PDB file of N, CA and C in Angstrom:
ATOM      1  N   UNK A   1      -7.439  -0.170  -8.514  1.00  0.00           N
ATOM      2  CA  UNK A   1      -6.320   0.912  -9.459  1.00  0.00           C
ATOM      3  C   UNK A   1      -4.876   0.521  -9.133  1.00  0.00           C
ATOM      4  N   UNK A   2      -4.177   0.796  -9.856  1.00  0.00           N
ATOM      5  CA  UNK A   2      -2.439   0.862  -9.607  1.00  0.00           C
ATOM      6  C   UNK A   2      -1.966   1.982  -8.839  1.00  0.00           C
ATOM      7  N   UNK A   3      -1.051   1.820  -8.349  1.00  0.00           N
ATOM      8  CA  UNK A   3       0.078   2.888  -7.774  1.00  0.00           C
ATOM      9  C   UNK A   3       0.555   3.941  -9.093  1.00  0.00           C
ATOM     10  N   UNK A   4       0.532   3.025  -9.708  1.00  0.00           N
ATOM     11  CA  UNK A   4       1.508   4.394 -11.112  1.00  0.00           C
ATOM     12  C   UNK A   4       0.340   4.906 -11.690  1.00  0.00           C
ATOM     13  N   UNK A   5      -0.879   4.683 -11.347  1.00  0.00           N
ATOM     14  CA  UNK A   5      -1.894   5.393 -12.139  1.00  0.00           C
ATOM     15  C   UNK A   5      -2.105   6.203 -11.259  1.00  0.00           C
ATOM     16  N   UNK A   6      -1.899   6.639 -10.070  1.00  0.00           N
ATOM     17  CA  UNK A   6      -2.274   7.469  -9.393  1.00  0.00           C
ATOM     18  C   UNK A   6      -1.891   9.006  -8.927  1.00  0.00           C
ATOM     19  N   UNK A   7      -2.515   9.928  -9.146  1.00  0.00           N
ATOM     20  CA  UNK A   7      -1.246  11.523  -8.710  1.00  0.00           C
ATOM     21  C   UNK A   7      -0.942  11.571  -7.196  1.00  0.00           C
ATOM     22  N   UNK A   8      -0.265  12.097  -6.886  1.00  0.00           N
ATOM     23  CA  UNK A   8       0.333  11.958  -5.525  1.00  0.00           C
ATOM     24  C   UNK A   8      -0.837  12.999  -4.366  1.00  0.00           C
ATOM     25  N   UNK A   9      -1.558  13.647  -5.115  1.00  0.00           N
ATOM     26  CA  UNK A   9      -2.480  14.183  -4.144  1.00  0.00           C
ATOM     27  C   UNK A   9      -4.049  12.895  -3.593  1.00  0.00           C
ATOM     28  N   UNK A  10      -4.164  12.163  -5.131  1.00  0.00           N
ATOM     29  CA  UNK A  10      -4.972  10.704  -4.792  1.00  0.00           C
ATOM     30  C   UNK A  10      -4.373   9.842  -4.156  1.00  0.00           C
ATOM     31  N   UNK A  11      -3.029   9.937  -4.140  1.00  0.00           N
ATOM     32  CA  UNK A  11      -2.571   8.495  -3.409  1.00  0.00           C
ATOM     33  C   UNK A  11      -2.465   9.105  -1.859  1.00  0.00           C
ATOM     34  N   UNK A  12      -1.834  10.434  -1.325  1.00  0.00           N
ATOM     35  CA  UNK A  12      -2.116  11.005  -0.584  1.00  0.00           C
ATOM     36  C   UNK A  12      -3.383  10.580   0.222  1.00  0.00           C
ATOM     37  N   UNK A  13      -4.513  11.154  -0.531  1.00  0.00           N
ATOM     38  CA  UNK A  13      -5.919  11.284   0.015  1.00  0.00           C
ATOM     39  C   UNK A  13      -6.439   9.467   0.217  1.00  0.00           C
ATOM     40  N   UNK A  14      -5.725   8.972  -0.459  1.00  0.00           N
ATOM     41  CA  UNK A  14      -6.053   7.033  -0.167  1.00  0.00           C
ATOM     42  C   UNK A  14      -4.989   6.568   1.198  1.00  0.00           C
ATOM     43  N   UNK A  15      -4.167   7.372   1.529  1.00  0.00           N
ATOM     44  CA  UNK A  15      -3.387   6.951   2.645  1.00  0.00           C
ATOM     45  C   UNK A  15      -4.380   7.353   4.237  1.00  0.00           C
ATOM     46  N   UNK A  16      -4.502   9.012   3.496  1.00  0.00           N
ATOM     47  CA  UNK A  16      -5.374   9.620   4.846  1.00  0.00           C
ATOM     48  C   UNK A  16      -6.659   8.994   5.242  1.00  0.00           C
ATOM     49  N   UNK A  17      -7.191   8.288   4.164  1.00  0.00           N
ATOM     50  CA  UNK A  17      -8.586   7.618   4.470  1.00  0.00           C
ATOM     51  C   UNK A  17      -8.329   6.008   4.734  1.00  0.00           C
ATOM     52  N   UNK A  18      -7.703   5.424   4.530  1.00  0.00           N
ATOM     53  CA  UNK A  18      -7.245   4.156   4.872  1.00  0.00           C
ATOM     54  C   UNK A  18      -6.637   3.747   6.022  1.00  0.00           C
ATOM     55  N   UNK A  19      -5.325   4.545   6.505  1.00  0.00           N
ATOM     56  CA  UNK A  19      -4.670   4.025   7.280  1.00  0.00           C
ATOM     57  C   UNK A  19      -5.107   4.480   8.917  1.00  0.00           C
ATOM     58  N   UNK A  20      -5.607   3.757   9.534  1.00  0.00           N
ATOM     59  CA  UNK A  20      -6.136   3.931  10.690  1.00  0.00           C
ATOM     60  C   UNK A  20      -5.644   2.850  12.084  1.00  0.00           C
ATOM     61  N   UNK A  21      -5.772   3.675  13.360  1.00  0.00           N
ATOM     62  CA  UNK A  21      -5.255   2.768  14.321  1.00  0.00           C
ATOM     63  C   UNK A  21      -4.542   3.206  15.251  1.00  0.00           C
ATOM     64  N   UNK A  22      -3.693   2.924  15.968  1.00  0.00           N
ATOM     65  CA  UNK A  22      -2.884   3.191  17.516  1.00  0.00           C
ATOM     66  C   UNK A  22      -1.721   4.296  16.569  1.00  0.00           C
ATOM     67  N   UNK A  23      -0.822   3.619  15.926  1.00  0.00           N
ATOM     68  CA  UNK A  23       0.289   4.633  15.266  1.00  0.00           C
ATOM     69  C   UNK A  23      -0.276   5.016  13.874  1.00  0.00           C
ATOM     70  N   UNK A  24      -1.540   5.549  13.557  1.00  0.00           N
ATOM     71  CA  UNK A  24      -1.964   6.159  12.446  1.00  0.00           C
ATOM     72  C   UNK A  24      -0.931   7.041  11.728  1.00  0.00           C
ATOM     73  N   UNK A  25      -0.944   8.242  12.684  1.00  0.00           N
ATOM     74  CA  UNK A  25      -0.303   9.509  12.121  1.00  0.00           C
ATOM     75  C   UNK A  25       1.386   9.033  11.809  1.00  0.00           C
ATOM     76  N   UNK A  26       1.669   8.420  12.493  1.00  0.00           N
ATOM     77  CA  UNK A  26       3.328   7.542  12.414  1.00  0.00           C
ATOM     78  C   UNK A  26       3.223   6.956  10.728  1.00  0.00           C
ATOM     79  N   UNK A  27       2.031   5.904  10.947  1.00  0.00           N
ATOM     80  CA  UNK A  27       2.480   5.365   9.601  1.00  0.00           C
ATOM     81  C   UNK A  27       1.982   5.729   8.291  1.00  0.00           C
ATOM     82  N   UNK A  28       1.098   7.016   8.398  1.00  0.00           N
ATOM     83  CA  UNK A  28       0.863   7.277   7.056  1.00  0.00           C
ATOM     84  C   UNK A  28       1.599   8.253   6.834  1.00  0.00           C
ATOM     85  N   UNK A  29       2.511   9.104   7.746  1.00  0.00           N
ATOM     86  CA  UNK A  29       3.928   9.848   7.192  1.00  0.00           C
ATOM     87  C   UNK A  29       4.725   9.298   6.658  1.00  0.00           C
ATOM     88  N   UNK A  30       5.161   7.644   7.146  1.00  0.00           N
ATOM     89  CA  UNK A  30       6.070   6.775   6.500  1.00  0.00           C
ATOM     90  C   UNK A  30       5.614   6.089   5.355  1.00  0.00           C
ATOM     91  N   UNK A  31       4.196   5.864   5.090  1.00  0.00           N
ATOM     92  CA  UNK A  31       3.730   5.727   3.636  1.00  0.00           C
ATOM     93  C   UNK A  31       3.881   6.838   2.703  1.00  0.00           C
ATOM     94  N   UNK A  32       3.934   7.764   2.906  1.00  0.00           N
ATOM     95  CA  UNK A  32       3.976   9.171   1.976  1.00  0.00           C
ATOM     96  C   UNK A  32       4.967   9.112   1.855  1.00  0.00           C
ATOM     97  N   UNK A  33       5.995   9.472   2.926  1.00  0.00           N
ATOM     98  CA  UNK A  33       7.459   9.602   2.566  1.00  0.00           C
ATOM     99  C   UNK A  33       8.103   8.298   1.881  1.00  0.00           C
ATOM    100  N   UNK A  34       7.681   7.100   1.551  1.00  0.00           N
ATOM    101  CA  UNK A  34       8.173   6.120   0.805  1.00  0.00           C
ATOM    102  C   UNK A  34       7.483   6.235  -0.657  1.00  0.00           C
ATOM    103  N   UNK A  35       6.383   6.519  -0.764  1.00  0.00           N
ATOM    104  CA  UNK A  35       5.429   6.349  -2.028  1.00  0.00           C
ATOM    105  C   UNK A  35       5.314   7.619  -2.792  1.00  0.00           C
ATOM    106  N   UNK A  36       5.311   8.723  -1.688  1.00  0.00           N
ATOM    107  CA  UNK A  36       5.442  10.278  -2.514  1.00  0.00           C
ATOM    108  C   UNK A  36       6.410  11.217  -2.675  1.00  0.00           C
ATOM    109  N   UNK A  37       7.202  10.696  -1.647  1.00  0.00           N
ATOM    110  CA  UNK A  37       8.673  11.553  -1.333  1.00  0.00           C
ATOM    111  C   UNK A  37       9.849  11.121  -1.854  1.00  0.00           C
ATOM    112  N   UNK A  38       9.570   9.316  -2.052  1.00  0.00           N
ATOM    113  CA  UNK A  38      10.504   8.388  -2.603  1.00  0.00           C
ATOM    114  C   UNK A  38      12.039   7.971  -1.778  1.00  0.00           C
ATOM    115  N   UNK A  39      11.598   8.327  -0.481  1.00  0.00           N
ATOM    116  CA  UNK A  39      12.452   8.052   0.573  1.00  0.00           C
ATOM    117  C   UNK A  39      12.848   6.312   0.245  1.00  0.00           C
ATOM    118  N   UNK A  40      14.178   6.249   0.411  1.00  0.00           N
ATOM    119  CA  UNK A  40      14.773   4.992   0.744  1.00  0.00           C
ATOM    120  C   UNK A  40      14.504   4.521   2.070  1.00  0.00           C
ATOM    121  N   UNK A  41      14.073   2.897   2.046  1.00  0.00           N
ATOM    122  CA  UNK A  41      13.849   2.234   3.201  1.00  0.00           C
ATOM    123  C   UNK A  41      15.274   2.933   4.688  1.00  0.00           C
ATOM    124  N   UNK A  42      16.016   2.928   4.243  1.00  0.00           N
ATOM    125  CA  UNK A  42      17.148   3.395   4.891  1.00  0.00           C
ATOM    126  C   UNK A  42      16.854   4.902   5.517  1.00  0.00           C
ATOM    127  N   UNK A  43      16.555   5.648   4.672  1.00  0.00           N
ATOM    128  CA  UNK A  43      16.147   7.165   5.069  1.00  0.00           C
ATOM    129  C   UNK A  43      14.889   6.954   6.079  1.00  0.00           C
ATOM    130  N   UNK A  44      13.799   5.968   5.926  1.00  0.00           N
ATOM    131  CA  UNK A  44      12.949   6.159   6.835  1.00  0.00           C
ATOM    132  C   UNK A  44      13.118   5.479   8.038  1.00  0.00           C
ATOM    133  N   UNK A  45      13.815   4.358   7.945  1.00  0.00           N
ATOM    134  CA  UNK A  45      14.476   3.883   9.316  1.00  0.00           C
ATOM    135  C   UNK A  45      15.237   4.878  10.237  1.00  0.00           C
ATOM    136  N   UNK A  46      15.858   5.551   9.144  1.00  0.00           N
ATOM    137  CA  UNK A  46      16.299   6.613  10.246  1.00  0.00           C
ATOM    138  C   UNK A  46      15.694   7.693  10.803  1.00  0.00           C
ATOM    139  N   UNK A  47      14.833   8.289   9.862  1.00  0.00           N
ATOM    140  CA  UNK A  47      14.031   9.188  10.055  1.00  0.00           C
ATOM    141  C   UNK A  47      13.338   9.082  11.382  1.00  0.00           C
ATOM    142  N   UNK A  48      12.613   7.302  11.726  1.00  0.00           N
ATOM    143  CA  UNK A  48      11.606   7.329  12.316  1.00  0.00           C
ATOM    144  C   UNK A  48      12.100   6.231  13.480  1.00  0.00           C
ATOM    145  N   UNK A  49      13.570   6.140  13.615  1.00  0.00           N
ATOM    146  CA  UNK A  49      14.278   5.392  14.411  1.00  0.00           C
ATOM    147  C   UNK A  49      13.501   3.841  14.582  1.00  0.00           C
ATOM    148  N   UNK A  50      13.597   3.194  13.401  1.00  0.00           N
ATOM    149  CA  UNK A  50      13.376   1.986  13.057  1.00  0.00           C
ATOM    150  C   UNK A  50      14.690   0.977  12.124  1.00  0.00           C
ATOM    151  N   UNK A  51      14.550  -0.150  12.070  1.00  0.00           N
ATOM    152  CA  UNK A  51      15.263  -0.752  11.371  1.00  0.00           C
ATOM    153  C   UNK A  51      14.885  -1.010  10.627  1.00  0.00           C
ATOM    154  N   UNK A  52      15.758  -1.097   9.302  1.00  0.00           N
ATOM    155  CA  UNK A  52      15.604  -1.086   7.527  1.00  0.00           C
ATOM    156  C   UNK A  52      14.484  -2.198   7.573  1.00  0.00           C
ATOM    157  N   UNK A  53      14.624  -3.230   8.247  1.00  0.00           N
ATOM    158  CA  UNK A  53      13.665  -4.483   7.862  1.00  0.00           C
ATOM    159  C   UNK A  53      12.265  -4.006   8.387  1.00  0.00           C
ATOM    160  N   UNK A  54      12.041  -3.176   9.885  1.00  0.00           N
ATOM    161  CA  UNK A  54      10.924  -3.034  10.439  1.00  0.00           C
ATOM    162  C   UNK A  54      10.306  -1.831   9.276  1.00  0.00           C
ATOM    163  N   UNK A  55      11.017  -0.747   8.911  1.00  0.00           N
ATOM    164  CA  UNK A  55      10.556   0.033   7.711  1.00  0.00           C
ATOM    165  C   UNK A  55       9.914  -0.644   6.512  1.00  0.00           C
ATOM    166  N   UNK A  56      10.620  -1.469   6.077  1.00  0.00           N
ATOM    167  CA  UNK A  56      10.201  -2.229   4.875  1.00  0.00           C
ATOM    168  C   UNK A  56       8.639  -3.213   5.089  1.00  0.00           C
ATOM    169  N   UNK A  57       8.579  -3.370   6.363  1.00  0.00           N
ATOM    170  CA  UNK A  57       7.543  -4.329   6.930  1.00  0.00           C
ATOM    171  C   UNK A  57       6.480  -3.373   6.931  1.00  0.00           C
ATOM    172  N   UNK A  58       6.466  -2.222   7.563  1.00  0.00           N
ATOM    173  CA  UNK A  58       5.449  -1.308   7.659  1.00  0.00           C
ATOM    174  C   UNK A  58       5.059  -0.817   6.597  1.00  0.00           C
ATOM    175  N   UNK A  59       5.885  -0.232   5.434  1.00  0.00           N
ATOM    176  CA  UNK A  59       5.367  -0.137   4.399  1.00  0.00           C
ATOM    177  C   UNK A  59       4.891  -1.365   3.419  1.00  0.00           C
ATOM    178  N   UNK A  60       5.213  -2.516   3.505  1.00  0.00           N
ATOM    179  CA  UNK A  60       4.180  -3.391   2.907  1.00  0.00           C
ATOM    180  C   UNK A  60       2.960  -3.694   3.119  1.00  0.00           C
ATOM    181  N   UNK A  61       2.843  -3.803   4.584  1.00  0.00           N
ATOM    182  CA  UNK A  61       1.620  -4.090   5.396  1.00  0.00           C
ATOM    183  C   UNK A  61       0.668  -2.728   5.047  1.00  0.00           C
ATOM    184  N   UNK A  62       1.312  -1.471   5.007  1.00  0.00           N
ATOM    185  CA  UNK A  62       0.117  -0.867   4.835  1.00  0.00           C
ATOM    186  C   UNK A  62      -0.140  -0.326   3.515  1.00  0.00           C
ATOM    187  N   UNK A  63       0.502  -0.701   2.389  1.00  0.00           N
ATOM    188  CA  UNK A  63      -0.022  -0.886   1.087  1.00  0.00           C
ATOM    189  C   UNK A  63      -1.012  -1.939   0.815  1.00  0.00           C
ATOM    190  N   UNK A  64      -0.469  -3.347   1.170  1.00  0.00           N
ATOM    191  CA  UNK A  64      -1.566  -4.520   1.403  1.00  0.00           C
ATOM    192  C   UNK A  64      -3.042  -3.630   1.432  1.00  0.00           C
ATOM    193  N   UNK A  65      -2.942  -3.172   3.005  1.00  0.00           N
ATOM    194  CA  UNK A  65      -3.920  -2.483   3.779  1.00  0.00           C
ATOM    195  C   UNK A  65      -4.985  -1.669   2.660  1.00  0.00           C
ATOM    196  N   UNK A  66      -4.192  -0.471   1.909  1.00  0.00           N
ATOM    197  CA  UNK A  66      -4.886   0.187   1.108  1.00  0.00           C
ATOM    198  C   UNK A  66      -5.161  -0.153  -0.387  1.00  0.00           C
ATOM    199  N   UNK A  67      -4.623  -1.258  -0.841  1.00  0.00           N
ATOM    200  CA  UNK A  67      -4.388  -1.725  -2.223  1.00  0.00           C
ATOM    201  C   UNK A  67      -5.468  -2.691  -2.354  1.00  0.00           C
ATOM    202  N   UNK A  68      -5.814  -3.451  -0.932  1.00  0.00           N
ATOM    203  CA  UNK A  68      -6.733  -4.681  -1.567  1.00  0.00           C
ATOM    204  C   UNK A  68      -8.072  -4.180  -1.464  1.00  0.00           C
ATOM    205  N   UNK A  69      -8.328  -2.987  -1.353  1.00  0.00           N
ATOM    206  CA  UNK A  69      -9.757  -2.609  -1.452  1.00  0.00           C
ATOM    207  C   UNK A  69     -10.290  -2.814  -3.038  1.00  0.00           C
TER     208      UNK A  69
END
């Protein structure tokens, strides 16, 4: 299934079900802020005290984790 084919509630559920690990709560929030709330990487970096590059890497990695299934 493609990202643009999912409703926000479906996407949120996928994120909640598939993002696990030590920083899972933060990572779920980051991914939802990007994909559902439309925050820019700069805004995510500021909100979570990350570099823009780190925010991008986190989002890319998490998207791969969810959508590879």
